[in-house]
Amino acid sequence: MNDITDYPVLAYVVKLIKNTITDIKTEYIAPASVELKDGNDTIYLQQRLDENGNPSTIFIKDPKDIIFSEDLLPSLKNLQEGAEGKIAQALLNARVIINELDVETHLIFHAVKDHFDEISNSYEFSKAIEKQADKIKSKFKFGSHAFELTVTNHAQLISVTADFPPSFDESIKKTIENDAAKVQLAINKIFR
């Protein structure tokens, strides 16, 4: 297998990544599936239907976050920019989902973490615990106080909400809720 011409969106995404990451090796493993190997690291790409039936969805598994470290998220979010002809039309409905999150939600989540860091260096991201294409729930800490933060990328509004264990200190809870409201407002100004 050495061709993905029947999948122009996949071919375009592969070319975009290869143009950014030099010396990456391409292996076509199925008609709509590609492995990109960068040394010992592998990025898996597959074009298939998403939950809404969109056939131009590219699912990417990037365990080492190479795409993020190479700053490819903005390019993957705006795939159609600079494209011409038939591929431009194909890219209009294209969607890229990386490690279970769509590209815009990735960008939003990184901006949310940055905004919490700007508010206070007491905030610490622990790990993502639940991902859907447009929603991520993660564990955060404020000092030694652990809580969960959910970021949901709705079409009209981005919500940033905190969930707390029952015994959580009320004054710290109020501080985190106020900070989450500030972050939500700032993020919506940027992305909406």
Protein backbone atom coordinates (compact mmCIF):
# COMPACT_ATOMS: atom_id res chain seq x y z
CA MET A 1 0.00 0.00 0.00
CA ASN A 2 1.60 3.27 -1.01
CA ASP A 3 -1.10 5.72 -1.97
CA ILE A 4 -3.91 7.68 -0.33
CA THR A 5 -5.11 9.61 -3.37
CA ASP A 6 -8.72 8.48 -2.74
CA TYR A 7 -8.53 10.40 0.54
CA PRO A 8 -7.46 13.93 -0.42
CA VAL A 9 -8.03 15.38 3.07
CA LEU A 10 -5.80 12.73 4.62
CA ALA A 11 -3.19 13.28 1.91
CA TYR A 12 -3.27 17.02 2.56
CA VAL A 13 -2.83 16.59 6.34
CA VAL A 14 0.04 14.13 5.80
CA LYS A 15 1.74 16.61 3.43
CA LEU A 16 1.24 19.46 5.93
CA ILE A 17 2.88 17.46 8.72
CA LYS A 18 5.70 16.21 6.47
CA ASN A 19 6.46 19.76 5.34
CA THR A 20 6.92 20.80 8.97
CA ILE A 21 8.70 17.80 10.46
CA THR A 22 11.77 17.02 8.41
CA ASP A 23 12.92 13.43 7.93
CA ILE A 24 9.57 11.96 8.98
CA LYS A 25 8.89 8.59 7.35
CA THR A 26 5.49 7.67 5.86
CA GLU A 27 3.98 4.20 5.93
CA TYR A 28 0.57 3.56 4.37
CA ILE A 29 -1.02 0.82 6.46
CA ALA A 30 -4.52 0.79 4.89
CA PRO A 31 -6.37 2.81 2.22
CA ALA A 32 -7.38 5.49 4.74
CA SER A 33 -4.63 5.01 7.35
CA VAL A 34 -1.07 6.30 7.60
CA GLU A 35 1.74 6.03 10.13
CA LEU A 36 4.26 8.85 10.31
CA LYS A 37 7.48 7.85 12.05
CA ASP A 38 9.78 10.42 13.58
CA GLY A 39 12.68 8.45 15.02
CA ASN A 40 11.18 6.10 17.59
CA ASP A 41 7.91 8.05 17.79
CA THR A 42 4.86 7.34 15.65
CA ILE A 43 1.85 9.46 14.72
CA TYR A 44 -1.17 7.50 13.46
CA LEU A 45 -3.65 9.14 11.06
CA GLN A 46 -6.93 7.80 9.76
CA GLN A 47 -9.70 9.38 7.69
CA ARG A 48 -13.16 8.11 8.63
CA LEU A 49 -16.64 9.23 9.66
CA ASP A 50 -16.95 11.19 12.89
CA GLU A 51 -19.91 11.00 15.30
CA ASN A 52 -21.86 13.41 13.06
CA GLY A 53 -21.25 11.40 9.88
CA ASN A 54 -18.63 13.77 8.46
CA PRO A 55 -16.49 11.69 6.06
CA SER A 56 -13.70 14.30 5.99
CA THR A 57 -12.60 13.76 9.56
CA ILE A 58 -8.99 12.93 10.29
CA PHE A 59 -8.37 11.08 13.54
CA ILE A 60 -4.82 11.38 14.82
CA LYS A 61 -3.17 9.48 17.65
CA ASP A 62 -0.06 11.33 18.73
CA PRO A 63 1.06 9.78 22.03
CA LYS A 64 4.15 12.00 22.35
CA ASP A 65 2.33 15.26 21.40
CA ILE A 66 4.70 15.84 18.49
CA ILE A 67 2.07 17.88 16.66
CA PHE A 68 1.73 20.23 19.62
CA SER A 69 5.49 20.54 20.11
CA GLU A 70 5.94 21.35 16.40
CA ASP A 71 3.24 24.06 16.69
CA LEU A 72 1.03 22.45 14.04
CA LEU A 73 -2.31 23.01 15.82
CA PRO A 74 -3.03 26.42 14.21
CA SER A 75 -2.29 25.03 10.73
CA LEU A 76 -4.49 22.00 11.35
CA LYS A 77 -7.31 24.22 12.65
CA ASN A 78 -7.28 26.32 9.46
CA LEU A 79 -6.64 23.59 6.89
CA GLN A 80 -8.37 25.38 4.02
CA GLU A 81 -6.19 28.51 4.25
CA GLY A 82 -3.93 28.64 1.22
CA ALA A 83 -5.53 25.60 -0.44
CA GLU A 84 -6.81 25.95 -3.99
CA GLY A 85 -8.93 23.99 -6.44
CA LYS A 86 -10.66 20.72 -5.57
CA ILE A 87 -8.74 20.27 -2.33
CA ALA A 88 -9.96 23.65 -1.03
CA GLN A 89 -13.56 22.45 -1.43
CA ALA A 90 -12.77 19.12 0.26
CA LEU A 91 -11.13 20.91 3.20
CA LEU A 92 -14.16 23.15 3.90
CA ASN A 93 -15.86 20.43 5.95
CA ALA A 94 -12.68 18.78 7.17
CA ARG A 95 -12.24 18.19 10.87
CA VAL A 96 -9.11 17.05 12.68
CA ILE A 97 -9.33 15.21 16.00
CA ILE A 98 -6.06 14.64 17.84
CA ASN A 99 -5.94 12.29 20.83
CA GLU A 100 -9.76 12.44 21.08
CA LEU A 101 -10.03 16.28 20.99
CA ASP A 102 -10.69 18.43 17.98
CA VAL A 103 -7.96 20.94 17.17
CA GLU A 104 -9.89 24.00 18.34
CA THR A 105 -10.62 22.38 21.71
CA HIS A 106 -6.88 21.61 22.06
CA LEU A 107 -6.06 25.27 21.44
CA ILE A 108 -8.77 26.40 23.85
CA PHE A 109 -7.59 24.04 26.59
CA HIS A 110 -3.99 25.23 26.30
CA ALA A 111 -5.22 28.83 26.50
CA VAL A 112 -7.30 27.97 29.59
CA LYS A 113 -4.23 26.49 31.31
CA ASP A 114 -2.18 29.57 30.38
CA HIS A 115 -4.86 31.90 31.77
CA PHE A 116 -5.00 30.02 35.08
CA ASP A 117 -1.19 30.26 35.27
CA GLU A 118 -1.42 34.02 34.68
CA ILE A 119 -3.98 34.43 37.46
CA SER A 120 -1.91 32.51 40.01
CA ASN A 121 1.11 30.24 39.98
CA SER A 122 -0.75 28.15 42.60
CA TYR A 123 -2.73 26.44 39.81
CA GLU A 124 -1.27 23.18 38.59
CA PHE A 125 -2.59 20.91 35.84
CA SER A 126 -2.37 17.23 36.83
CA LYS A 127 -3.86 15.15 34.02
CA ALA A 128 -6.75 14.82 31.61
CA ILE A 129 -9.28 12.30 32.86
CA GLU A 130 -12.00 12.46 30.21
CA LYS A 131 -11.95 13.59 26.59
CA GLN A 132 -14.63 14.00 23.97
CA ALA A 133 -14.13 15.84 20.70
CA ASP A 134 -15.32 19.17 22.13
CA LYS A 135 -14.91 18.63 25.88
CA ILE A 136 -12.07 17.86 28.28
CA LYS A 137 -12.25 17.16 31.98
CA SER A 138 -8.99 17.30 33.88
CA LYS A 139 -7.57 17.25 37.36
CA PHE A 140 -6.13 20.51 38.65
CA LYS A 141 -4.68 21.62 41.95
CA PHE A 142 -4.82 24.97 43.66
CA GLY A 143 -1.97 24.65 46.13
CA SER A 144 -2.68 21.31 47.78
CA HIS A 145 -6.43 21.40 46.97
CA ALA A 146 -7.41 19.07 44.12
CA PHE A 147 -10.45 19.74 41.93
CA GLU A 148 -11.72 18.89 38.45
CA LEU A 149 -11.95 21.44 35.67
CA THR A 150 -14.19 20.92 32.64
CA VAL A 151 -13.74 22.91 29.45
CA THR A 152 -16.53 22.53 26.88
CA ASN A 153 -16.27 23.99 23.42
CA HIS A 154 -19.89 24.76 22.47
CA ALA A 155 -20.61 26.42 19.11
CA GLN A 156 -21.68 29.73 20.69
CA LEU A 157 -19.92 29.64 24.07
CA ILE A 158 -16.92 28.06 25.73
CA SER A 159 -17.66 26.99 29.30
CA VAL A 160 -15.05 26.58 32.02
CA THR A 161 -16.44 24.94 35.16
CA ALA A 162 -14.90 23.52 38.31
CA ASP A 163 -16.17 20.53 40.30
CA PHE A 164 -15.15 19.98 43.89
CA PRO A 165 -15.22 17.11 46.37
CA PRO A 166 -17.87 17.51 49.12
CA SER A 167 -15.39 18.46 51.86
CA PHE A 168 -13.69 21.22 49.83
CA ASP A 169 -12.81 24.45 51.68
CA GLU A 170 -15.54 27.02 50.83
CA SER A 171 -13.29 30.08 50.63
CA ILE A 172 -10.87 28.35 48.23
CA LYS A 173 -13.83 26.99 46.26
CA LYS A 174 -15.15 30.55 45.82
CA THR A 175 -11.71 31.76 44.67
CA ILE A 176 -11.44 28.98 42.07
CA GLU A 177 -15.01 29.57 40.83
CA ASN A 178 -14.29 33.30 40.44
CA ASP A 179 -11.05 32.55 38.60
CA ALA A 180 -12.87 30.04 36.34
CA ALA A 181 -15.42 32.75 35.49
CA LYS A 182 -12.60 35.18 34.62
CA VAL A 183 -10.90 32.58 32.44
CA GLN A 184 -14.18 31.71 30.71
CA LEU A 185 -14.78 35.37 29.88
CA ALA A 186 -11.24 35.84 28.55
CA ILE A 187 -11.33 32.64 26.48
CA ASN A 188 -14.67 33.56 24.91
CA LYS A 189 -13.27 36.96 23.94
CA ILE A 190 -10.37 35.23 22.18
CA PHE A 191 -12.18 32.35 20.47
CA ARG A 192 -15.74 33.62 19.98
